[in-house]
Protein backbone atom coordinates (compact mmCIF):
# COMPACT_ATOMS: atom_id res chain seq x y z
CA UNK A 1 53.79 -101.41 108.91
CA UNK A 2 53.58 -105.18 109.04
CA UNK A 3 54.55 -105.25 112.69
CA UNK A 4 51.92 -102.65 113.55
CA UNK A 5 49.20 -104.66 111.80
CA UNK A 6 50.30 -107.86 113.57
CA UNK A 7 50.15 -106.06 116.90
CA UNK A 8 46.68 -104.75 116.11
CA UNK A 9 45.54 -108.35 115.50
CA UNK A 10 46.52 -109.25 119.05
CA UNK A 11 45.43 -106.02 120.76
CA UNK A 12 42.89 -107.78 123.02
CA UNK A 13 45.37 -110.44 124.12
CA UNK A 14 48.05 -107.81 124.81
CA UNK A 15 45.55 -105.66 126.72
CA UNK A 16 44.41 -108.66 128.73
CA UNK A 17 47.99 -109.63 129.56
CA UNK A 18 48.75 -106.08 130.68
CA UNK A 19 45.61 -106.03 132.79
CA UNK A 20 46.55 -109.32 134.46
CA UNK A 21 50.10 -108.10 135.12
CA UNK A 22 48.84 -104.84 136.62
CA UNK A 23 46.35 -106.63 138.82
CA UNK A 24 49.01 -109.05 140.11
CA UNK A 25 51.44 -106.23 140.82
CA UNK A 26 48.77 -104.17 142.60
CA UNK A 27 47.67 -107.22 144.59
CA UNK A 28 51.22 -107.89 145.73
CA UNK A 29 51.72 -104.24 146.60
CA UNK A 30 48.43 -103.68 148.42
CA UNK A 31 47.92 -107.07 150.06
CA UNK A 32 49.03 -107.54 153.66
CA UNK A 33 52.20 -109.47 154.23
CA UNK A 34 52.00 -113.14 155.22
CA UNK A 35 53.53 -112.52 158.65
CA UNK A 36 50.88 -109.88 159.37
CA UNK A 37 48.12 -112.32 158.51
CA UNK A 38 49.80 -115.02 160.60
CA UNK A 39 50.17 -112.64 163.54
CA UNK A 40 46.47 -111.76 163.36
CA UNK A 41 45.11 -115.30 163.00
CA UNK A 42 47.56 -117.32 165.14
CA UNK A 43 45.00 -118.00 167.93
CA UNK A 44 42.58 -119.43 165.37
CA UNK A 45 45.28 -121.57 163.74
CA UNK A 46 46.48 -122.82 167.14
CA UNK A 47 43.01 -123.71 168.43
CA UNK A 48 42.13 -125.49 165.18
CA UNK A 49 45.36 -127.50 165.29
CA UNK A 50 44.74 -128.50 168.91
CA UNK A 51 41.17 -129.51 168.14
CA UNK A 52 42.30 -131.69 165.22
CA UNK A 53 44.97 -133.30 167.40
CA UNK A 54 42.35 -134.11 170.04
CA UNK A 55 40.06 -135.60 167.43
CA UNK A 56 42.88 -137.79 166.14
CA UNK A 57 43.86 -138.79 169.67
CA UNK A 58 40.32 -139.82 170.63
CA UNK A 59 39.83 -141.61 167.32
CA UNK A 60 42.94 -143.70 167.94
CA UNK A 61 42.23 -144.48 171.60
CA UNK A 62 38.50 -145.22 171.34
CA UNK A 63 37.62 -148.89 171.47
CA UNK A 64 34.96 -150.04 169.08
CA UNK A 65 31.91 -151.67 170.69
CA UNK A 66 31.06 -155.24 169.78
CA UNK A 67 28.50 -155.35 167.03
CA UNK A 68 25.80 -157.42 168.69
CA UNK A 69 22.61 -157.81 166.65
CA UNK A 70 20.49 -158.43 169.77
CA UNK A 71 20.99 -154.88 171.02
CA UNK A 72 18.04 -152.72 169.94
CA UNK A 73 18.92 -149.75 167.78
CA UNK A 74 16.11 -147.21 168.02
CA UNK A 75 17.50 -144.89 165.37
CA UNK A 76 17.75 -147.67 162.79
CA UNK A 77 14.25 -148.89 163.66
CA UNK A 78 12.92 -145.37 163.21
CA UNK A 79 14.67 -145.06 159.85
CA UNK A 80 13.22 -148.37 158.70
CA UNK A 81 9.76 -147.29 159.84
CA UNK A 82 10.01 -143.97 158.00
CA UNK A 83 11.32 -145.71 154.88
CA UNK A 84 8.29 -147.99 154.93
CA UNK A 85 9.99 -151.25 155.94
CA UNK A 86 7.66 -152.20 158.78
CA UNK A 87 8.38 -155.29 160.84
CA UNK A 88 4.72 -156.24 161.21
CA UNK A 89 2.98 -158.64 158.86
CA UNK A 90 0.98 -157.15 155.97
CA UNK A 91 -2.73 -156.72 156.69
CA UNK A 92 -4.98 -159.54 155.54
CA UNK A 93 -7.41 -158.72 152.78
CA UNK A 94 -10.72 -160.12 153.98
CA UNK A 95 -12.85 -157.95 151.72
CA UNK A 96 -12.03 -158.93 148.18
CA UNK A 97 -14.21 -157.50 145.49
CA UNK A 98 -14.43 -158.95 142.01
């Protein structure tokens, strides 16, 4: 009787373990095989691999432009303007009230 009472203490853990085992077994039985998945998706895998190789190739062969501060950068100027960092002088306060 002691064994039965000990097993009843752990009935939820045993049930959970059995449920996990059954789900893993059913997943392995019902899931498609890896070669079937590979056969279905090989064009996608191949095109993705070629695209990544081209990206790496162009990243290695591209020469970096010289960073010259005199070249205007419209996007950075627009970002500074939107952020509130205007290049113009602040307006003069001619009307001061006490």
